[in-house]
PDB file of all heavy atoms in Angstrom:
ATOM      1  N   ILE A   1      -5.270  12.727  18.910  1.00  0.00           N
ATOM      2  CA  ILE A   1      -5.035  12.143  20.240  1.00  0.00           C
ATOM      3  C   ILE A   1      -3.536  12.075  20.533  1.00  0.00           C
ATOM      4  O   ILE A   1      -3.082  12.404  21.635  1.00  0.00           O
ATOM      5  CB  ILE A   1      -5.679  10.749  20.319  1.00  0.00           C
ATOM      6  CG1 ILE A   1      -7.206  10.876  20.318  1.00  0.00           C
ATOM      7  CG2 ILE A   1      -5.212   9.998  21.565  1.00  0.00           C
ATOM      8  CD1 ILE A   1      -7.946   9.556  20.214  1.00  0.00           C
ATOM      9  N   ALA A   2      -2.757  11.657  19.526  1.00  0.00           N
ATOM     10  CA  ALA A   2      -1.304  11.576  19.722  1.00  0.00           C
ATOM     11  C   ALA A   2      -0.693  12.951  19.929  1.00  0.00           C
ATOM     12  O   ALA A   2       0.161  13.147  20.801  1.00  0.00           O
ATOM     13  CB  ALA A   2      -0.669  10.881  18.522  1.00  0.00           C
ATOM     14  N   GLN A   3      -1.150  13.922  19.149  1.00  0.00           N
ATOM     15  CA  GLN A   3      -0.599  15.275  19.242  1.00  0.00           C
ATOM     16  C   GLN A   3      -0.901  15.921  20.596  1.00  0.00           C
ATOM     17  O   GLN A   3      -0.122  16.750  21.092  1.00  0.00           O
ATOM     18  CB  GLN A   3      -1.165  16.141  18.113  1.00  0.00           C
ATOM     19  CG  GLN A   3      -0.569  17.534  18.026  1.00  0.00           C
ATOM     20  CD  GLN A   3       0.918  17.507  17.693  1.00  0.00           C
ATOM     21  OE1 GLN A   3       1.303  17.098  16.608  1.00  0.00           O
ATOM     22  NE2 GLN A   3       1.762  17.935  18.630  1.00  0.00           N
ATOM     23  N   ALA A   4      -2.004  15.544  21.214  1.00  0.00           N
ATOM     24  CA  ALA A   4      -2.405  16.149  22.491  1.00  0.00           C
ATOM     25  C   ALA A   4      -1.584  15.635  23.671  1.00  0.00           C
ATOM     26  O   ALA A   4      -1.635  16.227  24.759  1.00  0.00           O
ATOM     27  CB  ALA A   4      -3.886  15.878  22.746  1.00  0.00           C
ATOM     28  N   ASP A   5      -0.808  14.567  23.480  1.00  0.00           N
ATOM     29  CA  ASP A   5      -0.024  14.035  24.599  1.00  0.00           C
ATOM     30  C   ASP A   5       1.150  14.963  24.899  1.00  0.00           C
ATOM     31  O   ASP A   5       1.848  15.418  23.979  1.00  0.00           O
ATOM     32  CB  ASP A   5       0.499  12.634  24.250  1.00  0.00           C
ATOM     33  CG  ASP A   5       1.051  11.918  25.461  1.00  0.00           C
ATOM     34  OD1 ASP A   5       2.222  12.175  25.830  1.00  0.00           O
ATOM     35  OD2 ASP A   5       0.310  11.117  26.053  1.00  0.00           O
ATOM     36  N   PRO A   6       1.396  15.265  26.170  1.00  0.00           N
ATOM     37  CA  PRO A   6       2.469  16.218  26.530  1.00  0.00           C
ATOM     38  C   PRO A   6       3.872  15.751  26.158  1.00  0.00           C
ATOM     39  O   PRO A   6       4.789  16.581  26.038  1.00  0.00           O
ATOM     40  CB  PRO A   6       2.314  16.354  28.048  1.00  0.00           C
ATOM     41  CG  PRO A   6       1.583  15.123  28.484  1.00  0.00           C
ATOM     42  CD  PRO A   6       0.679  14.789  27.357  1.00  0.00           C
ATOM     43  N   ALA A   7       4.064  14.454  25.961  1.00  0.00           N
ATOM     44  CA  ALA A   7       5.393  13.955  25.616  1.00  0.00           C
ATOM     45  C   ALA A   7       5.670  14.008  24.115  1.00  0.00           C
ATOM     46  O   ALA A   7       6.784  13.722  23.684  1.00  0.00           O
ATOM     47  CB  ALA A   7       5.557  12.519  26.120  1.00  0.00           C
ATOM     48  N   VAL A   8       4.671  14.367  23.315  1.00  0.00           N
ATOM     49  CA  VAL A   8       4.805  14.378  21.853  1.00  0.00           C
ATOM     50  C   VAL A   8       5.012  15.804  21.358  1.00  0.00           C
ATOM     51  O   VAL A   8       4.174  16.692  21.597  1.00  0.00           O
ATOM     52  CB  VAL A   8       3.556  13.760  21.181  1.00  0.00           C
ATOM     53  CG1 VAL A   8       3.660  13.865  19.666  1.00  0.00           C
ATOM     54  CG2 VAL A   8       3.401  12.300  21.602  1.00  0.00           C
ATOM     55  N   GLU A   9       6.151  16.015  20.703  1.00  0.00           N
ATOM     56  CA  GLU A   9       6.418  17.315  20.087  1.00  0.00           C
ATOM     57  C   GLU A   9       5.567  17.498  18.831  1.00  0.00           C
ATOM     58  O   GLU A   9       4.973  18.543  18.622  1.00  0.00           O
ATOM     59  CB  GLU A   9       7.902  17.409  19.722  1.00  0.00           C
ATOM     60  CG  GLU A   9       8.307  18.709  19.039  1.00  0.00           C
ATOM     61  CD  GLU A   9       8.303  19.886  20.010  1.00  0.00           C
ATOM     62  OE1 GLU A   9       8.473  19.652  21.232  1.00  0.00           O
ATOM     63  OE2 GLU A   9       8.118  21.028  19.550  1.00  0.00           O
ATOM     64  N   LYS A  10       5.534  16.447  17.996  1.00  0.00           N
ATOM     65  CA  LYS A  10       4.730  16.504  16.772  1.00  0.00           C
ATOM     66  C   LYS A  10       4.327  15.103  16.350  1.00  0.00           C
ATOM     67  O   LYS A  10       5.169  14.197  16.309  1.00  0.00           O
ATOM     68  CB  LYS A  10       5.510  17.179  15.636  1.00  0.00           C
ATOM     69  CG  LYS A  10       4.743  17.265  14.323  1.00  0.00           C
ATOM     70  CD  LYS A  10       5.522  17.990  13.277  1.00  0.00           C
ATOM     71  CE  LYS A  10       4.808  17.992  11.929  1.00  0.00           C
ATOM     72  NZ  LYS A  10       3.449  18.573  12.005  1.00  0.00           N
ATOM     73  N   ALA A  11       3.038  14.934  16.064  1.00  0.00           N
ATOM     74  CA  ALA A  11       2.551  13.686  15.480  1.00  0.00           C
ATOM     75  C   ALA A  11       2.709  13.814  13.973  1.00  0.00           C
ATOM     76  O   ALA A  11       1.941  14.528  13.306  1.00  0.00           O
ATOM     77  CB  ALA A  11       1.096  13.447  15.858  1.00  0.00           C
ATOM     78  N   ASN A  12       3.735  13.157  13.429  1.00  0.00           N
ATOM     79  CA  ASN A  12       4.080  13.348  12.012  1.00  0.00           C
ATOM     80  C   ASN A  12       3.036  12.774  11.063  1.00  0.00           C
ATOM     81  O   ASN A  12       2.684  13.392  10.063  1.00  0.00           O
ATOM     82  CB  ASN A  12       5.434  12.681  11.726  1.00  0.00           C
ATOM     83  CG  ASN A  12       6.533  13.226  12.605  1.00  0.00           C
ATOM     84  OD1 ASN A  12       6.631  14.431  12.816  1.00  0.00           O
ATOM     85  ND2 ASN A  12       7.366  12.334  13.137  1.00  0.00           N
ATOM     86  N   GLY A  13       2.560  11.596  11.365  1.00  0.00           N
ATOM     87  CA  GLY A  13       1.605  10.946  10.476  1.00  0.00           C
ATOM     88  C   GLY A  13       1.214   9.587  11.014  1.00  0.00           C
ATOM     89  O   GLY A  13       1.775   9.097  12.000  1.00  0.00           O
ATOM     90  N   VAL A  14       0.237   8.974  10.370  1.00  0.00           N
ATOM     91  CA  VAL A  14      -0.235   7.663  10.783  1.00  0.00           C
ATOM     92  C   VAL A  14      -0.522   6.826   9.539  1.00  0.00           C
ATOM     93  O   VAL A  14      -1.042   7.332   8.542  1.00  0.00           O
ATOM     94  CB  VAL A  14      -1.503   7.776  11.662  1.00  0.00           C
ATOM     95  CG1 VAL A  14      -2.651   8.461  10.902  1.00  0.00           C
ATOM     96  CG2 VAL A  14      -1.942   6.401  12.163  1.00  0.00           C
ATOM     97  N   LEU A  15      -0.133   5.563   9.601  1.00  0.00           N
ATOM     98  CA  LEU A  15      -0.452   4.596   8.557  1.00  0.00           C
ATOM     99  C   LEU A  15      -1.424   3.591   9.145  1.00  0.00           C
ATOM    100  O   LEU A  15      -1.197   3.075  10.242  1.00  0.00           O
ATOM    101  CB  LEU A  15       0.807   3.877   8.060  1.00  0.00           C
ATOM    102  CG  LEU A  15       1.925   4.778   7.532  1.00  0.00           C
ATOM    103  CD1 LEU A  15       3.123   3.937   7.108  1.00  0.00           C
ATOM    104  CD2 LEU A  15       1.435   5.625   6.370  1.00  0.00           C
ATOM    105  N   THR A  16      -2.507   3.336   8.440  1.00  0.00           N
ATOM    106  CA  THR A  16      -3.532   2.438   8.963  1.00  0.00           C
ATOM    107  C   THR A  16      -3.917   1.408   7.912  1.00  0.00           C
ATOM    108  O   THR A  16      -3.758   1.629   6.712  1.00  0.00           O
ATOM    109  CB  THR A  16      -4.797   3.226   9.363  1.00  0.00           C
ATOM    110  OG1 THR A  16      -5.299   3.931   8.209  1.00  0.00           O
ATOM    111  CG2 THR A  16      -4.513   4.204  10.483  1.00  0.00           C
ATOM    112  N   VAL A  17      -4.429   0.284   8.392  1.00  0.00           N
ATOM    113  CA  VAL A  17      -4.963  -0.738   7.491  1.00  0.00           C
ATOM    114  C   VAL A  17      -6.105  -1.449   8.210  1.00  0.00           C
ATOM    115  O   VAL A  17      -6.008  -1.736   9.408  1.00  0.00           O
ATOM    116  CB  VAL A  17      -3.877  -1.745   7.065  1.00  0.00           C
ATOM    117  CG1 VAL A  17      -3.321  -2.497   8.250  1.00  0.00           C
ATOM    118  CG2 VAL A  17      -4.411  -2.710   6.020  1.00  0.00           C
ATOM    119  N   HIS A  18      -7.178  -1.696   7.474  1.00  0.00           N
ATOM    120  CA  HIS A  18      -8.326  -2.412   8.028  1.00  0.00           C
ATOM    121  C   HIS A  18      -8.068  -3.912   7.949  1.00  0.00           C
ATOM    122  O   HIS A  18      -7.876  -4.467   6.873  1.00  0.00           O
ATOM    123  CB  HIS A  18      -9.601  -2.072   7.254  1.00  0.00           C
ATOM    124  CG  HIS A  18     -10.395  -0.959   7.860  1.00  0.00           C
ATOM    125  ND1 HIS A  18     -11.358  -1.166   8.820  1.00  0.00           N
ATOM    126  CD2 HIS A  18     -10.366   0.373   7.646  1.00  0.00           C
ATOM    127  CE1 HIS A  18     -11.890  -0.012   9.173  1.00  0.00           C
ATOM    128  NE2 HIS A  18     -11.298   0.948   8.474  1.00  0.00           N
ATOM    129  N   MET A  19      -8.083  -4.569   9.119  1.00  0.00           N
ATOM    130  CA  MET A  19      -8.012  -6.015   9.173  1.00  0.00           C
ATOM    131  C   MET A  19      -9.411  -6.617   9.181  1.00  0.00           C
ATOM    132  O   MET A  19      -9.588  -7.831   9.036  1.00  0.00           O
ATOM    133  CB  MET A  19      -7.252  -6.464  10.419  1.00  0.00           C
ATOM    134  CG  MET A  19      -5.858  -5.874  10.529  1.00  0.00           C
ATOM    135  SD  MET A  19      -4.807  -6.249   9.106  1.00  0.00           S
ATOM    136  CE  MET A  19      -4.656  -8.020   9.253  1.00  0.00           C
ATOM    137  N   GLY A  20     -10.413  -5.784   9.377  1.00  0.00           N
ATOM    138  CA  GLY A  20     -11.816  -6.166   9.401  1.00  0.00           C
ATOM    139  C   GLY A  20     -12.632  -4.894   9.495  1.00  0.00           C
ATOM    140  O   GLY A  20     -12.075  -3.801   9.651  1.00  0.00           O
ATOM    141  N   PRO A  21     -13.965  -4.987   9.395  1.00  0.00           N
ATOM    142  CA  PRO A  21     -14.792  -3.779   9.454  1.00  0.00           C
ATOM    143  C   PRO A  21     -14.554  -2.929  10.698  1.00  0.00           C
ATOM    144  O   PRO A  21     -14.575  -1.703  10.633  1.00  0.00           O
ATOM    145  CB  PRO A  21     -16.221  -4.338   9.432  1.00  0.00           C
ATOM    146  CG  PRO A  21     -16.093  -5.647   8.739  1.00  0.00           C
ATOM    147  CD  PRO A  21     -14.766  -6.196   9.150  1.00  0.00           C
ATOM    148  N   GLU A  22     -14.326  -3.582  11.848  1.00  0.00           N
ATOM    149  CA  GLU A  22     -14.113  -2.854  13.106  1.00  0.00           C
ATOM    150  C   GLU A  22     -12.744  -3.170  13.705  1.00  0.00           C
ATOM    151  O   GLU A  22     -12.569  -3.120  14.921  1.00  0.00           O
ATOM    152  CB  GLU A  22     -15.222  -3.229  14.113  1.00  0.00           C
ATOM    153  CG  GLU A  22     -16.629  -2.947  13.633  1.00  0.00           C
ATOM    154  CD  GLU A  22     -16.899  -1.458  13.451  1.00  0.00           C
ATOM    155  OE1 GLU A  22     -16.252  -0.665  14.167  1.00  0.00           O
ATOM    156  OE2 GLU A  22     -17.735  -1.092  12.596  1.00  0.00           O
ATOM    157  N   GLN A  23     -11.763  -3.486  12.854  1.00  0.00           N
ATOM    158  CA  GLN A  23     -10.419  -3.825  13.323  1.00  0.00           C
ATOM    159  C   GLN A  23      -9.391  -3.076  12.486  1.00  0.00           C
ATOM    160  O   GLN A  23      -9.204  -3.379  11.306  1.00  0.00           O
ATOM    161  CB  GLN A  23     -10.178  -5.331  13.239  1.00  0.00           C
ATOM    162  CG  GLN A  23     -11.132  -6.158  14.091  1.00  0.00           C
ATOM    163  CD  GLN A  23     -10.978  -7.650  13.847  1.00  0.00           C
ATOM    164  OE1 GLN A  23     -10.076  -8.079  13.144  1.00  0.00           O
ATOM    165  NE2 GLN A  23     -11.858  -8.438  14.431  1.00  0.00           N
ATOM    166  N   ILE A  24      -8.752  -2.087  13.109  1.00  0.00           N
ATOM    167  CA  ILE A  24      -7.769  -1.255  12.424  1.00  0.00           C
ATOM    168  C   ILE A  24      -6.423  -1.375  13.129  1.00  0.00           C
ATOM    169  O   ILE A  24      -6.342  -1.284  14.353  1.00  0.00           O
ATOM    170  CB  ILE A  24      -8.203   0.230  12.415  1.00  0.00           C
ATOM    171  CG1 ILE A  24      -9.540   0.394  11.687  1.00  0.00           C
ATOM    172  CG2 ILE A  24      -7.134   1.104  11.751  1.00  0.00           C
ATOM    173  CD1 ILE A  24     -10.122   1.791  11.801  1.00  0.00           C
ATOM    174  N   VAL A  25      -5.368  -1.577  12.349  1.00  0.00           N
ATOM    175  CA  VAL A  25      -4.006  -1.546  12.862  1.00  0.00           C
ATOM    176  C   VAL A  25      -3.399  -0.204  12.461  1.00  0.00           C
ATOM    177  O   VAL A  25      -3.469   0.185  11.289  1.00  0.00           O
ATOM    178  CB  VAL A  25      -3.164  -2.705  12.299  1.00  0.00           C
ATOM    179  CG1 VAL A  25      -1.707  -2.562  12.728  1.00  0.00           C
ATOM    180  CG2 VAL A  25      -3.732  -4.037  12.760  1.00  0.00           C
ATOM    181  N   ALA A  26      -2.839   0.517  13.426  1.00  0.00           N
ATOM    182  CA  ALA A  26      -2.307   1.854  13.170  1.00  0.00           C
ATOM    183  C   ALA A  26      -0.822   1.909  13.506  1.00  0.00           C
ATOM    184  O   ALA A  26      -0.370   1.358  14.517  1.00  0.00           O
ATOM    185  CB  ALA A  26      -3.069   2.893  13.996  1.00  0.00           C
ATOM    186  N   GLY A  27      -0.048   2.586  12.660  1.00  0.00           N
ATOM    187  CA  GLY A  27       1.365   2.839  12.909  1.00  0.00           C
ATOM    188  C   GLY A  27       1.589   4.338  12.985  1.00  0.00           C
ATOM    189  O   GLY A  27       1.329   5.061  12.023  1.00  0.00           O
ATOM    190  N   LEU A  28       2.048   4.821  14.126  1.00  0.00           N
ATOM    191  CA  LEU A  28       2.223   6.257  14.354  1.00  0.00           C
ATOM    192  C   LEU A  28       3.693   6.645  14.244  1.00  0.00           C
ATOM    193  O   LEU A  28       4.567   5.965  14.801  1.00  0.00           O
ATOM    194  CB  LEU A  28       1.711   6.636  15.741  1.00  0.00           C
ATOM    195  CG  LEU A  28       0.215   6.887  15.894  1.00  0.00           C
ATOM    196  CD1 LEU A  28      -0.175   6.887  17.369  1.00  0.00           C
ATOM    197  CD2 LEU A  28      -0.175   8.206  15.246  1.00  0.00           C
ATOM    198  N   SER A  29       3.957   7.726  13.522  1.00  0.00           N
ATOM    199  CA  SER A  29       5.286   8.327  13.510  1.00  0.00           C
ATOM    200  C   SER A  29       5.239   9.550  14.413  1.00  0.00           C
ATOM    201  O   SER A  29       4.508  10.519  14.131  1.00  0.00           O
ATOM    202  CB  SER A  29       5.674   8.734  12.082  1.00  0.00           C
ATOM    203  OG  SER A  29       6.851   9.524  12.095  1.00  0.00           O
ATOM    204  N   LEU A  30       6.010   9.521  15.516  1.00  0.00           N
ATOM    205  CA  LEU A  30       5.954  10.588  16.507  1.00  0.00           C
ATOM    206  C   LEU A  30       7.341  11.183  16.736  1.00  0.00           C
ATOM    207  O   LEU A  30       8.340  10.461  16.833  1.00  0.00           O
ATOM    208  CB  LEU A  30       5.411  10.057  17.838  1.00  0.00           C
ATOM    209  CG  LEU A  30       4.024   9.405  17.812  1.00  0.00           C
ATOM    210  CD1 LEU A  30       3.629   8.948  19.212  1.00  0.00           C
ATOM    211  CD2 LEU A  30       2.979  10.360  17.245  1.00  0.00           C
ATOM    212  N   ASP A  31       7.360  12.507  16.829  1.00  0.00           N
ATOM    213  CA  ASP A  31       8.572  13.231  17.209  1.00  0.00           C
ATOM    214  C   ASP A  31       8.391  13.641  18.666  1.00  0.00           C
ATOM    215  O   ASP A  31       7.578  14.506  18.988  1.00  0.00           O
ATOM    216  CB  ASP A  31       8.745  14.461  16.313  1.00  0.00           C
ATOM    217  CG  ASP A  31      10.087  15.143  16.523  1.00  0.00           C
ATOM    218  OD1 ASP A  31      10.850  14.676  17.392  1.00  0.00           O
ATOM    219  OD2 ASP A  31      10.361  16.148  15.831  1.00  0.00           O
ATOM    220  N   PHE A  32       9.125  12.969  19.569  1.00  0.00           N
ATOM    221  CA  PHE A  32       8.957  13.234  20.992  1.00  0.00           C
ATOM    222  C   PHE A  32       9.721  14.497  21.406  1.00  0.00           C
ATOM    223  O   PHE A  32      10.640  14.947  20.699  1.00  0.00           O
ATOM    224  CB  PHE A  32       9.444  12.031  21.805  1.00  0.00           C
ATOM    225  CG  PHE A  32       8.572  10.815  21.659  1.00  0.00           C
ATOM    226  CD1 PHE A  32       8.885   9.816  20.741  1.00  0.00           C
ATOM    227  CD2 PHE A  32       7.421  10.667  22.425  1.00  0.00           C
ATOM    228  CE1 PHE A  32       8.079   8.706  20.597  1.00  0.00           C
ATOM    229  CE2 PHE A  32       6.613   9.549  22.290  1.00  0.00           C
ATOM    230  CZ  PHE A  32       6.937   8.569  21.377  1.00  0.00           C
TER     231      PHE A  32
END
């Protein structure tokens, strides 16, 4: 999804952690 955005040159990676079964916090590294 991040890579498909026209303002993003490259979606480098994502760090995620489950705060609950249906609750995820995501950190995106993006090269605009």
